Amino acid sequence: MTALELDGVHPDFARLERLARSAAAMSGNDGDAAATAFIAGYAAGLAEGSGQAGFDRAHRASLRGIERLLDRPTP
């Protein structure tokens, strides 16, 4: 976190890991775990960077969004 100048930021790594593993298991593609983690971070960064929310709130919202997507039945 320090190398990325993210001191003071405390992502919920356990929750993020669960979502990433779930996405990979659902798709059968291990690359989807990395993509899920990237998308969660990107969404939180956009929200924080644009002033929509502080990091903690933005991070929680991005994880909730991914959880909702993973809970949807596959068409």
Protein backbone atom coordinates (compact mmCIF):
# COMPACT_ATOMS: atom_id res chain seq x y z
CA MET A 1 0.00 0.00 0.00
CA THR A 2 2.87 2.35 0.80
CA ALA A 3 4.50 1.79 -2.60
CA LEU A 4 1.25 2.89 -4.24
CA GLU A 5 0.95 5.88 -1.89
CA LEU A 6 -2.16 4.40 -0.31
CA ASP A 7 -1.17 4.72 3.32
CA GLY A 8 -4.22 4.99 5.51
CA VAL A 9 -6.41 3.05 3.09
CA HIS A 10 -7.72 -0.22 4.46
CA PRO A 11 -9.46 -2.34 1.82
CA ASP A 12 -11.49 -5.31 2.97
CA PHE A 13 -9.09 -7.85 1.53
CA ALA A 14 -10.96 -10.89 2.85
CA ARG A 15 -14.24 -9.80 1.24
CA LEU A 16 -12.48 -8.87 -1.98
CA GLU A 17 -10.72 -12.24 -2.10
CA ARG A 18 -14.04 -14.07 -1.59
CA LEU A 19 -15.60 -12.14 -4.47
CA ALA A 20 -12.61 -12.72 -6.73
CA ARG A 21 -12.59 -16.46 -6.02
CA SER A 22 -16.34 -16.62 -6.58
CA ALA A 23 -16.07 -14.85 -9.94
CA ALA A 24 -13.31 -17.22 -11.06
CA ALA A 25 -15.27 -20.28 -9.92
CA MET A 26 -18.44 -19.13 -11.68
CA SER A 27 -16.69 -18.51 -14.98
CA GLY A 28 -14.12 -21.29 -14.81
CA ASN A 29 -11.45 -18.71 -15.65
CA ASP A 30 -8.82 -17.88 -13.01
CA GLY A 31 -8.16 -14.58 -14.78
CA ASP A 32 -11.58 -13.40 -13.66
CA ALA A 33 -10.32 -13.23 -10.07
CA ALA A 34 -7.74 -10.60 -11.02
CA ALA A 35 -10.27 -8.75 -13.18
CA THR A 36 -12.77 -8.67 -10.32
CA ALA A 37 -10.20 -7.22 -7.92
CA PHE A 38 -9.12 -4.64 -10.51
CA ILE A 39 -12.69 -3.56 -11.26
CA ALA A 40 -13.51 -3.16 -7.55
CA GLY A 41 -10.44 -0.98 -7.05
CA TYR A 42 -11.05 1.00 -10.21
CA ALA A 43 -14.67 1.73 -9.29
CA ALA A 44 -13.69 2.81 -5.78
CA GLY A 45 -10.88 4.98 -7.15
CA LEU A 46 -13.19 6.71 -9.61
CA ALA A 47 -15.76 7.44 -6.93
CA GLU A 48 -13.16 8.75 -4.51
CA GLY A 49 -11.23 10.69 -7.14
CA SER A 50 -14.34 12.43 -8.42
CA GLY A 51 -15.39 13.42 -4.90
CA GLN A 52 -18.48 11.20 -4.84
CA ALA A 53 -17.36 9.40 -1.68
CA GLY A 54 -14.40 8.79 0.59
CA PHE A 55 -12.41 5.62 0.06
CA ASP A 56 -14.14 3.49 2.70
CA ARG A 57 -17.61 4.26 1.40
CA ALA A 58 -16.55 3.92 -2.25
CA HIS A 59 -14.83 0.59 -1.57
CA ARG A 60 -17.86 -0.83 0.24
CA ALA A 61 -20.11 0.30 -2.60
CA SER A 62 -17.91 -1.31 -5.26
CA LEU A 63 -17.90 -4.61 -3.34
CA ARG A 64 -21.69 -4.49 -2.93
CA GLY A 65 -22.07 -3.91 -6.66
CA ILE A 66 -19.93 -6.92 -7.50
CA GLU A 67 -21.79 -9.05 -4.95
CA ARG A 68 -25.08 -8.13 -6.63
CA LEU A 69 -23.70 -9.07 -10.04
CA LEU A 70 -22.41 -12.42 -8.79
CA ASP A 71 -25.78 -13.19 -7.18
CA ARG A 72 -27.63 -12.77 -10.49
CA PRO A 73 -28.58 -15.95 -12.29
CA THR A 74 -26.65 -16.56 -15.50
CA PRO A 75 -28.89 -16.16 -18.58
